[in-house]
């Protein structure tokens, strides 16, 4: 289903996301140190993303082109960080699980 007003739909979605954040019950779990650690420090884990042959070739060309200053991997990390802020309940659940795993 396509829309006659994609900008309006995006604005409505953003408003709904904000309302969901405002309705979220406060938690005693401190997420700030986890938010701070998202995009910092050693990058020693990988996230695999399946892509088409065309996208893979484009990715390789982006990496090989010296006259374009883009770090596609950092762009993906930034996007995941933004998603963590947009979906704090899911992020909190993940960080709680991470802390449990670290205790073991």
N, C-alpha and C. Protein backbone atom coordinates (compact mmCIF):
# COMPACT_ATOMS: atom_id res chain seq x y z
N UNK A 1 0.84 -1.18 0.00
CA UNK A 1 0.00 0.00 0.00
C UNK A 1 0.88 1.23 0.00
N UNK A 2 0.77 2.06 -1.01
CA UNK A 2 1.55 3.28 -1.07
C UNK A 2 0.70 4.44 -0.56
N UNK A 3 1.37 5.47 -0.16
CA UNK A 3 0.69 6.60 0.43
C UNK A 3 0.82 7.81 -0.46
N UNK A 4 -0.17 8.70 -0.38
CA UNK A 4 -0.10 9.95 -1.11
C UNK A 4 0.78 10.95 -0.36
N UNK A 5 1.01 10.68 0.95
CA UNK A 5 1.78 11.61 1.77
C UNK A 5 2.75 10.85 2.66
N UNK A 6 3.87 10.37 2.11
CA UNK A 6 4.82 9.60 2.92
C UNK A 6 5.42 10.44 4.05
N UNK A 7 5.61 11.75 3.82
CA UNK A 7 6.16 12.59 4.88
C UNK A 7 5.19 12.66 6.06
N UNK A 8 3.91 12.82 5.77
CA UNK A 8 2.89 12.86 6.83
C UNK A 8 2.85 11.56 7.61
N UNK A 9 2.96 10.44 6.89
CA UNK A 9 2.98 9.14 7.56
C UNK A 9 4.20 9.00 8.46
N UNK A 10 5.35 9.47 7.99
CA UNK A 10 6.57 9.40 8.80
C UNK A 10 6.43 10.26 10.05
N UNK A 11 5.82 11.43 9.91
CA UNK A 11 5.62 12.30 11.07
C UNK A 11 4.65 11.66 12.06
N UNK A 12 3.58 11.03 11.55
CA UNK A 12 2.63 10.33 12.42
C UNK A 12 3.32 9.19 13.16
N UNK A 13 4.15 8.45 12.47
CA UNK A 13 4.87 7.33 13.09
C UNK A 13 5.81 7.84 14.18
N UNK A 14 6.50 8.94 13.91
CA UNK A 14 7.40 9.52 14.91
C UNK A 14 6.62 9.97 16.14
N UNK A 15 5.45 10.55 15.94
CA UNK A 15 4.61 10.98 17.06
C UNK A 15 4.14 9.78 17.87
N UNK A 16 3.77 8.69 17.19
CA UNK A 16 3.36 7.47 17.90
C UNK A 16 4.52 6.90 18.71
N UNK A 17 5.72 6.89 18.13
CA UNK A 17 6.90 6.41 18.85
C UNK A 17 7.15 7.24 20.10
N UNK A 18 7.00 8.56 19.98
CA UNK A 18 7.22 9.43 21.13
C UNK A 18 6.18 9.15 22.21
N UNK A 19 4.93 8.94 21.81
CA UNK A 19 3.88 8.64 22.78
C UNK A 19 4.16 7.32 23.48
N UNK A 20 4.66 6.33 22.74
CA UNK A 20 4.99 5.04 23.36
C UNK A 20 6.11 5.21 24.37
N UNK A 21 7.11 6.04 24.05
CA UNK A 21 8.20 6.29 25.00
C UNK A 21 7.67 6.97 26.26
N UNK A 22 6.76 7.92 26.08
CA UNK A 22 6.21 8.64 27.23
C UNK A 22 5.37 7.72 28.11
N UNK A 23 4.70 6.72 27.52
CA UNK A 23 3.86 5.79 28.29
C UNK A 23 4.67 4.71 28.98
N UNK A 24 5.92 4.58 28.60
CA UNK A 24 6.78 3.54 29.15
C UNK A 24 6.98 3.77 30.64
N UNK A 25 6.78 2.72 31.41
CA UNK A 25 6.96 2.81 32.86
C UNK A 25 8.44 2.95 33.17
N UNK A 26 8.77 3.80 34.15
CA UNK A 26 10.17 3.94 34.51
C UNK A 26 10.73 2.63 35.06
N UNK A 27 11.99 2.40 34.80
CA UNK A 27 12.64 1.18 35.24
C UNK A 27 13.78 1.56 36.17
N UNK A 28 14.10 0.65 37.08
CA UNK A 28 15.23 0.88 37.97
C UNK A 28 16.54 0.46 37.31
N UNK A 29 16.47 -0.05 36.10
CA UNK A 29 17.64 -0.50 35.36
C UNK A 29 18.26 0.70 34.65
N UNK A 30 19.51 1.00 34.91
CA UNK A 30 20.18 2.15 34.33
C UNK A 30 20.71 1.81 32.94
N UNK A 31 20.08 2.38 31.93
CA UNK A 31 20.48 2.11 30.54
C UNK A 31 21.60 3.02 30.05
N UNK A 32 21.84 4.13 30.71
CA UNK A 32 22.82 5.11 30.21
C UNK A 32 24.20 4.52 29.94
N UNK A 33 24.77 3.73 30.86
CA UNK A 33 26.09 3.17 30.54
C UNK A 33 26.06 2.26 29.32
N UNK A 34 24.94 1.60 29.12
CA UNK A 34 24.81 0.71 27.96
C UNK A 34 24.66 1.52 26.67
N UNK A 35 23.89 2.61 26.72
CA UNK A 35 23.79 3.49 25.55
C UNK A 35 25.17 4.03 25.21
N UNK A 36 25.92 4.44 26.23
CA UNK A 36 27.26 5.00 26.01
C UNK A 36 28.20 3.98 25.37
N UNK A 37 28.03 2.72 25.70
CA UNK A 37 28.92 1.67 25.20
C UNK A 37 28.54 1.15 23.82
N UNK A 38 27.36 1.51 23.34
CA UNK A 38 26.88 0.96 22.07
C UNK A 38 27.86 1.17 20.92
N UNK A 39 28.33 2.37 20.76
CA UNK A 39 29.09 2.72 19.56
C UNK A 39 30.52 3.10 19.92
N UNK A 40 30.98 2.63 21.07
CA UNK A 40 32.32 2.97 21.54
C UNK A 40 33.12 1.69 21.79
N UNK A 41 34.40 1.88 21.98
CA UNK A 41 35.24 0.75 22.36
C UNK A 41 35.60 -0.15 21.21
N UNK A 42 36.11 -1.32 21.58
CA UNK A 42 36.58 -2.30 20.61
C UNK A 42 35.39 -2.93 19.90
N UNK A 43 35.50 -3.04 18.60
CA UNK A 43 34.45 -3.67 17.79
C UNK A 43 34.90 -5.11 17.52
N UNK A 44 34.54 -6.03 18.42
CA UNK A 44 35.03 -7.41 18.29
C UNK A 44 33.91 -8.42 18.02
N UNK A 45 32.71 -7.93 17.73
CA UNK A 45 31.60 -8.80 17.35
C UNK A 45 31.11 -8.36 15.97
N UNK A 46 30.52 -9.28 15.24
CA UNK A 46 30.01 -8.93 13.92
C UNK A 46 28.51 -9.16 13.85
N UNK A 47 27.90 -8.42 12.95
CA UNK A 47 26.47 -8.57 12.65
C UNK A 47 26.39 -8.86 11.17
N UNK A 48 25.81 -9.98 10.81
CA UNK A 48 25.71 -10.34 9.40
C UNK A 48 24.42 -9.84 8.79
N UNK A 49 24.53 -9.30 7.60
CA UNK A 49 23.37 -8.80 6.87
C UNK A 49 23.43 -9.38 5.47
N UNK A 50 22.40 -10.10 5.11
CA UNK A 50 22.33 -10.65 3.75
C UNK A 50 21.94 -9.55 2.78
N UNK A 51 22.62 -9.52 1.64
CA UNK A 51 22.33 -8.52 0.62
C UNK A 51 22.32 -9.19 -0.75
N UNK A 52 21.75 -8.47 -1.70
CA UNK A 52 21.75 -8.97 -3.08
C UNK A 52 23.15 -8.83 -3.67
N UNK A 53 23.36 -9.49 -4.78
CA UNK A 53 24.64 -9.40 -5.47
C UNK A 53 24.96 -7.95 -5.86
N UNK A 54 23.92 -7.24 -6.29
CA UNK A 54 24.10 -5.85 -6.68
C UNK A 54 24.53 -4.98 -5.50
N UNK A 55 23.89 -5.19 -4.34
CA UNK A 55 24.24 -4.41 -3.16
C UNK A 55 25.65 -4.75 -2.68
N UNK A 56 26.01 -6.03 -2.77
CA UNK A 56 27.35 -6.44 -2.37
C UNK A 56 28.40 -5.78 -3.25
N UNK A 57 28.15 -5.75 -4.55
CA UNK A 57 29.10 -5.11 -5.47
C UNK A 57 29.21 -3.63 -5.16
N UNK A 58 28.09 -2.99 -4.90
CA UNK A 58 28.09 -1.57 -4.54
C UNK A 58 28.87 -1.33 -3.25
N UNK A 59 28.66 -2.20 -2.25
CA UNK A 59 29.38 -2.12 -0.98
C UNK A 59 30.89 -2.17 -1.23
N UNK A 60 31.31 -3.14 -2.03
CA UNK A 60 32.74 -3.29 -2.31
C UNK A 60 33.30 -2.06 -3.01
N UNK A 61 32.53 -1.51 -3.93
CA UNK A 61 32.98 -0.32 -4.65
C UNK A 61 33.06 0.87 -3.71
N UNK A 62 32.12 1.00 -2.80
CA UNK A 62 32.19 2.08 -1.80
C UNK A 62 33.46 1.96 -0.97
N UNK A 63 33.79 0.74 -0.58
CA UNK A 63 34.98 0.52 0.23
C UNK A 63 36.26 0.82 -0.54
N UNK A 64 36.26 0.57 -1.84
CA UNK A 64 37.45 0.72 -2.66
C UNK A 64 37.64 2.13 -3.23
N UNK A 65 36.59 2.94 -3.21
CA UNK A 65 36.66 4.26 -3.81
C UNK A 65 37.28 5.25 -2.84
N UNK A 66 38.36 5.86 -3.27
CA UNK A 66 39.09 6.79 -2.40
C UNK A 66 38.47 8.19 -2.39
N UNK A 67 37.73 8.56 -3.43
CA UNK A 67 37.21 9.92 -3.50
C UNK A 67 35.84 10.06 -2.82
N UNK A 68 35.35 8.99 -2.20
CA UNK A 68 34.11 9.06 -1.42
C UNK A 68 34.45 8.72 0.01
N UNK A 69 34.18 9.66 0.90
CA UNK A 69 34.49 9.46 2.31
C UNK A 69 33.23 8.95 3.02
N UNK A 70 33.07 7.64 3.01
CA UNK A 70 31.91 7.04 3.66
C UNK A 70 32.37 5.78 4.37
N UNK A 71 31.84 5.58 5.56
CA UNK A 71 32.12 4.37 6.32
C UNK A 71 30.78 3.66 6.50
N UNK A 72 30.49 2.76 5.58
CA UNK A 72 29.19 2.09 5.60
C UNK A 72 28.98 1.29 6.88
N UNK A 73 30.04 0.66 7.39
CA UNK A 73 29.91 -0.10 8.63
C UNK A 73 29.53 0.82 9.79
N UNK A 74 30.14 2.01 9.85
CA UNK A 74 29.80 2.96 10.91
C UNK A 74 28.36 3.45 10.75
N UNK A 75 27.91 3.60 9.52
CA UNK A 75 26.53 4.00 9.28
C UNK A 75 25.56 2.97 9.84
N UNK A 76 25.89 1.69 9.68
CA UNK A 76 25.04 0.63 10.22
C UNK A 76 25.07 0.66 11.74
N UNK A 77 26.25 0.85 12.34
CA UNK A 77 26.34 0.96 13.80
C UNK A 77 25.51 2.14 14.29
N UNK A 78 25.57 3.27 13.60
CA UNK A 78 24.78 4.44 13.99
C UNK A 78 23.29 4.15 13.91
N UNK A 79 22.90 3.43 12.88
CA UNK A 79 21.48 3.10 12.73
C UNK A 79 21.01 2.19 13.88
N UNK A 80 21.82 1.21 14.24
CA UNK A 80 21.46 0.34 15.36
C UNK A 80 21.38 1.12 16.67
N UNK A 81 22.28 2.07 16.85
CA UNK A 81 22.23 2.91 18.04
C UNK A 81 20.94 3.72 18.07
N UNK A 82 20.55 4.27 16.94
CA UNK A 82 19.29 5.02 16.86
C UNK A 82 18.10 4.12 17.19
N UNK A 83 18.13 2.89 16.70
CA UNK A 83 17.04 1.95 17.00
C UNK A 83 16.99 1.64 18.49
N UNK A 84 18.14 1.55 19.14
CA UNK A 84 18.16 1.30 20.59
C UNK A 84 17.46 2.42 21.33
N UNK A 85 17.63 3.65 20.89
CA UNK A 85 16.96 4.78 21.52
C UNK A 85 15.48 4.83 21.18
N UNK A 86 15.11 4.37 19.99
CA UNK A 86 13.70 4.37 19.59
C UNK A 86 12.91 3.26 20.26
N UNK A 87 13.60 2.18 20.65
CA UNK A 87 12.93 1.02 21.23
C UNK A 87 13.58 0.67 22.57
N UNK A 88 13.40 1.53 23.57
CA UNK A 88 14.09 1.33 24.85
C UNK A 88 13.69 0.05 25.57
N UNK A 89 12.46 -0.41 25.40
CA UNK A 89 12.05 -1.66 26.07
C UNK A 89 12.85 -2.84 25.54
N UNK A 90 13.01 -2.90 24.24
CA UNK A 90 13.77 -3.99 23.62
C UNK A 90 15.24 -3.86 24.00
N UNK A 91 15.75 -2.64 23.99
CA UNK A 91 17.14 -2.42 24.36
C UNK A 91 17.38 -2.82 25.82
N UNK A 92 16.47 -2.44 26.70
CA UNK A 92 16.63 -2.81 28.10
C UNK A 92 16.63 -4.32 28.28
N UNK A 93 15.73 -5.00 27.60
CA UNK A 93 15.67 -6.46 27.69
C UNK A 93 16.99 -7.08 27.23
N UNK A 94 17.53 -6.56 26.14
CA UNK A 94 18.81 -7.07 25.63
C UNK A 94 19.94 -6.82 26.62
N UNK A 95 19.96 -5.65 27.23
CA UNK A 95 21.05 -5.32 28.16
C UNK A 95 20.93 -6.11 29.46
N UNK A 96 19.71 -6.38 29.88
CA UNK A 96 19.53 -7.23 31.06
C UNK A 96 20.08 -8.64 30.77
N UNK A 97 19.77 -9.16 29.60
CA UNK A 97 20.27 -10.49 29.21
C UNK A 97 21.80 -10.48 29.12
N UNK A 98 22.36 -9.39 28.60
CA UNK A 98 23.80 -9.28 28.50
C UNK A 98 24.44 -9.29 29.88
N UNK A 99 23.87 -8.57 30.81
CA UNK A 99 24.42 -8.56 32.17
C UNK A 99 24.34 -9.94 32.82
N UNK A 100 23.25 -10.65 32.57
CA UNK A 100 23.13 -12.02 33.11
C UNK A 100 24.21 -12.90 32.49
N UNK A 101 24.39 -12.80 31.18
CA UNK A 101 25.43 -13.59 30.51
C UNK A 101 26.82 -13.26 31.04
N UNK A 102 27.06 -12.00 31.32
CA UNK A 102 28.38 -11.60 31.84
C UNK A 102 28.64 -12.13 33.25
N UNK A 103 27.57 -12.34 34.01
CA UNK A 103 27.72 -12.86 35.38
C UNK A 103 28.07 -14.33 35.37
N UNK A 104 27.76 -15.02 34.31
CA UNK A 104 28.01 -16.46 34.24
C UNK A 104 29.41 -16.78 33.83
